[in-house]
Amino acid sequence: MQLEEFLDDIRVRGGYDSPLSAAQAAEAALEILGAHLVGDDLIDLARLLPHQCTPVLACTAPASEPLTPSAFIAAVADRTDGDLLAGRRHATAVLSAITAAADEAVLTRLITQLPPGYDELFGHAEPVVATSA
């Protein structure tokens, strides 16, 4: 996937006026998401997205505690100097663009690594339930 294609998808999903607004939303959401994914899931996400997104995903130290969906929205809002409504808009635009680009197996692994409730932010139709192998 090319960066322009990814940002255009985010721009449309978020209703942004410019690619710059989409890029700012992507940077904030990917930085925070990257801190909450580990191992192969983070690597697979980085491979899925344009190569320019890899440093953004990997620039933040791993989080010490899980982040609830509402805390994720608040963190995105804080990172973009917006309110919670803007944070939700940014988060859902970016995460649903990831959903559009990911295959079901990768998406399931990403969502199950996060606390319950992220399926809505990713625009995933049904909650993903972790299964034991």
C-alpha atoms as a PDB file:
ATOM      1  CA  MET A   1       0.000   0.000   0.000  1.00  0.00           C
ATOM      2  CA  GLN A   2       1.251   3.471  -0.857  1.00  0.00           C
ATOM      3  CA  LEU A   3       1.224   6.293   1.697  1.00  0.00           C
ATOM      4  CA  GLU A   4      -1.030   8.481  -0.442  1.00  0.00           C
ATOM      5  CA  GLU A   5      -3.579   5.666  -0.721  1.00  0.00           C
ATOM      6  CA  PHE A   6      -3.554   5.050   3.051  1.00  0.00           C
ATOM      7  CA  LEU A   7      -3.886   8.755   3.885  1.00  0.00           C
ATOM      8  CA  ASP A   8      -6.647   9.210   1.319  1.00  0.00           C
ATOM      9  CA  ASP A   9      -8.578   6.340   2.899  1.00  0.00           C
ATOM     10  CA  ILE A  10      -8.165   7.983   6.321  1.00  0.00           C
ATOM     11  CA  ARG A  11      -9.148  11.372   4.864  1.00  0.00           C
ATOM     12  CA  VAL A  12     -12.377   9.958   3.448  1.00  0.00           C
ATOM     13  CA  ARG A  13     -13.217   7.909   6.566  1.00  0.00           C
ATOM     14  CA  GLY A  14     -12.575  10.871   8.867  1.00  0.00           C
ATOM     15  CA  GLY A  15     -14.137  13.489   6.615  1.00  0.00           C
ATOM     16  CA  TYR A  16     -10.932  15.551   6.664  1.00  0.00           C
ATOM     17  CA  ASP A  17     -10.435  18.475   4.310  1.00  0.00           C
ATOM     18  CA  SER A  18      -6.790  17.732   3.579  1.00  0.00           C
ATOM     19  CA  PRO A  19      -4.209  14.967   3.480  1.00  0.00           C
ATOM     20  CA  LEU A  20      -2.307  16.868   6.193  1.00  0.00           C
ATOM     21  CA  SER A  21      -5.214  16.443   8.627  1.00  0.00           C
ATOM     22  CA  ALA A  22      -5.345  12.737   7.794  1.00  0.00           C
ATOM     23  CA  ALA A  23      -1.578  12.456   8.317  1.00  0.00           C
ATOM     24  CA  GLN A  24      -1.820  14.115  11.735  1.00  0.00           C
ATOM     25  CA  ALA A  25      -4.583  11.720  12.776  1.00  0.00           C
ATOM     26  CA  ALA A  26      -2.567   8.757  11.481  1.00  0.00           C
ATOM     27  CA  GLU A  27       0.582   9.807  13.303  1.00  0.00           C
ATOM     28  CA  ALA A  28      -1.201  10.208  16.640  1.00  0.00           C
ATOM     29  CA  ALA A  29      -3.203   6.984  16.438  1.00  0.00           C
ATOM     30  CA  LEU A  30      -0.318   4.866  15.124  1.00  0.00           C
ATOM     31  CA  GLU A  31       2.111   6.114  17.797  1.00  0.00           C
ATOM     32  CA  ILE A  32      -0.307   5.157  20.548  1.00  0.00           C
ATOM     33  CA  LEU A  33      -1.328   1.874  18.924  1.00  0.00           C
ATOM     34  CA  GLY A  34       2.307   0.909  18.365  1.00  0.00           C
ATOM     35  CA  ALA A  35       3.027   1.221  22.077  1.00  0.00           C
ATOM     36  CA  HIS A  36       0.302  -1.325  22.821  1.00  0.00           C
ATOM     37  CA  LEU A  37       1.228  -4.026  20.317  1.00  0.00           C
ATOM     38  CA  VAL A  38       4.155  -6.388  20.645  1.00  0.00           C
ATOM     39  CA  GLY A  39       6.044  -9.013  18.699  1.00  0.00           C
ATOM     40  CA  ASP A  40       4.757 -10.412  15.443  1.00  0.00           C
ATOM     41  CA  ASP A  41       1.547  -8.389  15.588  1.00  0.00           C
ATOM     42  CA  LEU A  42       3.460  -5.109  15.557  1.00  0.00           C
ATOM     43  CA  ILE A  43       5.732  -6.404  12.791  1.00  0.00           C
ATOM     44  CA  ASP A  44       2.769  -7.615  10.713  1.00  0.00           C
ATOM     45  CA  LEU A  45       1.011  -4.270  11.112  1.00  0.00           C
ATOM     46  CA  ALA A  46       4.161  -2.424  10.047  1.00  0.00           C
ATOM     47  CA  ARG A  47       4.416  -4.658   6.943  1.00  0.00           C
ATOM     48  CA  LEU A  48       0.766  -4.036   6.113  1.00  0.00           C
ATOM     49  CA  LEU A  49       1.039  -0.249   6.187  1.00  0.00           C
ATOM     50  CA  PRO A  50       3.137   2.061   4.013  1.00  0.00           C
ATOM     51  CA  HIS A  51       6.815   1.887   4.984  1.00  0.00           C
ATOM     52  CA  GLN A  52       6.691   5.524   6.149  1.00  0.00           C
ATOM     53  CA  CYS A  53       4.437   4.394   9.019  1.00  0.00           C
ATOM     54  CA  THR A  54       6.996   1.980  10.492  1.00  0.00           C
ATOM     55  CA  PRO A  55       9.007   4.610  12.421  1.00  0.00           C
ATOM     56  CA  VAL A  56       5.778   6.065  13.815  1.00  0.00           C
ATOM     57  CA  LEU A  57       4.618   2.647  15.036  1.00  0.00           C
ATOM     58  CA  ALA A  58       7.988   1.852  16.578  1.00  0.00           C
ATOM     59  CA  CYS A  59       8.964   5.261  18.003  1.00  0.00           C
ATOM     60  CA  THR A  60       7.205   4.883  21.332  1.00  0.00           C
ATOM     61  CA  ALA A  61       8.396   2.673  24.159  1.00  0.00           C
ATOM     62  CA  PRO A  62       6.104  -0.273  24.876  1.00  0.00           C
ATOM     63  CA  ALA A  63       3.271   0.621  27.222  1.00  0.00           C
ATOM     64  CA  SER A  64       3.404  -0.740  30.743  1.00  0.00           C
ATOM     65  CA  GLU A  65      -0.383  -1.097  31.043  1.00  0.00           C
ATOM     66  CA  PRO A  66      -3.192  -1.883  28.595  1.00  0.00           C
ATOM     67  CA  LEU A  67      -5.159   1.075  27.290  1.00  0.00           C
ATOM     68  CA  THR A  68      -8.953   0.865  27.210  1.00  0.00           C
ATOM     69  CA  PRO A  69     -10.680   2.109  24.059  1.00  0.00           C
ATOM     70  CA  SER A  70     -11.880   5.250  25.854  1.00  0.00           C
ATOM     71  CA  ALA A  71      -8.351   5.917  27.132  1.00  0.00           C
ATOM     72  CA  PHE A  72      -7.028   5.358  23.584  1.00  0.00           C
ATOM     73  CA  ILE A  73      -9.481   7.970  22.282  1.00  0.00           C
ATOM     74  CA  ALA A  74      -8.448  10.380  25.050  1.00  0.00           C
ATOM     75  CA  ALA A  75      -4.755   9.820  24.271  1.00  0.00           C
ATOM     76  CA  VAL A  76      -5.327  10.491  20.561  1.00  0.00           C
ATOM     77  CA  ALA A  77      -7.317  13.618  21.444  1.00  0.00           C
ATOM     78  CA  ASP A  78      -4.515  14.798  23.723  1.00  0.00           C
ATOM     79  CA  ARG A  79      -1.843  14.086  21.100  1.00  0.00           C
ATOM     80  CA  THR A  80      -3.765  16.127  18.503  1.00  0.00           C
ATOM     81  CA  ASP A  81      -4.821  18.913  20.893  1.00  0.00           C
ATOM     82  CA  GLY A  82      -8.454  18.041  20.272  1.00  0.00           C
ATOM     83  CA  ASP A  83     -11.468  17.104  22.344  1.00  0.00           C
ATOM     84  CA  LEU A  84     -12.814  13.586  22.856  1.00  0.00           C
ATOM     85  CA  LEU A  85     -15.082  13.836  19.819  1.00  0.00           C
ATOM     86  CA  ALA A  86     -12.080  14.685  17.637  1.00  0.00           C
ATOM     87  CA  GLY A  87     -10.093  11.892  19.290  1.00  0.00           C
ATOM     88  CA  ARG A  88     -12.819   9.372  18.425  1.00  0.00           C
ATOM     89  CA  ARG A  89     -12.978  10.679  14.863  1.00  0.00           C
ATOM     90  CA  HIS A  90      -9.202  10.330  14.434  1.00  0.00           C
ATOM     91  CA  ALA A  91      -9.045   6.914  16.103  1.00  0.00           C
ATOM     92  CA  THR A  92     -11.895   5.392  14.111  1.00  0.00           C
ATOM     93  CA  ALA A  93     -10.678   6.866  10.810  1.00  0.00           C
ATOM     94  CA  VAL A  94      -7.198   5.392  11.247  1.00  0.00           C
ATOM     95  CA  LEU A  95      -8.181   2.057  12.783  1.00  0.00           C
ATOM     96  CA  SER A  96     -10.937   1.435  10.238  1.00  0.00           C
ATOM     97  CA  ALA A  97      -8.422   2.170   7.452  1.00  0.00           C
ATOM     98  CA  ILE A  98      -6.229  -0.526   9.002  1.00  0.00           C
ATOM     99  CA  THR A  99      -9.236  -2.868   8.956  1.00  0.00           C
ATOM    100  CA  ALA A 100      -9.734  -2.200   5.249  1.00  0.00           C
ATOM    101  CA  ALA A 101      -6.093  -3.056   4.537  1.00  0.00           C
ATOM    102  CA  ALA A 102      -5.714  -6.081   6.826  1.00  0.00           C
ATOM    103  CA  ASP A 103      -6.691  -9.655   6.244  1.00  0.00           C
ATOM    104  CA  GLU A 104      -8.986 -11.233   8.829  1.00  0.00           C
ATOM    105  CA  ALA A 105      -6.227 -13.229  10.558  1.00  0.00           C
ATOM    106  CA  VAL A 106      -4.014 -10.188  11.154  1.00  0.00           C
ATOM    107  CA  LEU A 107      -6.973  -8.081  12.240  1.00  0.00           C
ATOM    108  CA  THR A 108      -8.124 -10.744  14.700  1.00  0.00           C
ATOM    109  CA  ARG A 109      -4.646 -10.965  16.227  1.00  0.00           C
ATOM    110  CA  LEU A 110      -4.434  -7.178  16.571  1.00  0.00           C
ATOM    111  CA  ILE A 111      -7.835  -6.812  18.199  1.00  0.00           C
ATOM    112  CA  THR A 112      -7.373  -9.729  20.595  1.00  0.00           C
ATOM    113  CA  GLN A 113      -4.070  -8.255  21.801  1.00  0.00           C
ATOM    114  CA  LEU A 114      -5.952  -5.140  22.925  1.00  0.00           C
ATOM    115  CA  PRO A 115      -8.498  -4.758  25.748  1.00  0.00           C
ATOM    116  CA  PRO A 116     -12.180  -5.454  24.969  1.00  0.00           C
ATOM    117  CA  GLY A 117     -14.020  -2.835  22.940  1.00  0.00           C
ATOM    118  CA  TYR A 118     -11.461  -2.057  20.234  1.00  0.00           C
ATOM    119  CA  ASP A 119     -13.514  -3.947  17.637  1.00  0.00           C
ATOM    120  CA  GLU A 120     -15.819  -0.919  17.441  1.00  0.00           C
ATOM    121  CA  LEU A 121     -12.920   1.478  16.845  1.00  0.00           C
ATOM    122  CA  PHE A 122     -11.563  -0.790  14.119  1.00  0.00           C
ATOM    123  CA  GLY A 123     -15.025  -0.848  12.530  1.00  0.00           C
ATOM    124  CA  HIS A 124     -15.073  -4.616  12.908  1.00  0.00           C
ATOM    125  CA  ALA A 125     -18.606  -5.997  12.608  1.00  0.00           C
ATOM    126  CA  GLU A 126     -18.513  -8.372  15.562  1.00  0.00           C
ATOM    127  CA  PRO A 127     -16.410  -8.594  18.691  1.00  0.00           C
ATOM    128  CA  VAL A 128     -13.420 -10.847  18.238  1.00  0.00           C
ATOM    129  CA  VAL A 129     -13.202 -13.582  20.849  1.00  0.00           C
ATOM    130  CA  ALA A 130      -9.803 -15.008  21.682  1.00  0.00           C
ATOM    131  CA  THR A 131      -9.668 -18.755  21.280  1.00  0.00           C
ATOM    132  CA  SER A 132      -7.222 -21.129  22.870  1.00  0.00           C
ATOM    133  CA  ALA A 133      -5.183 -23.284  20.567  1.00  0.00           C
END
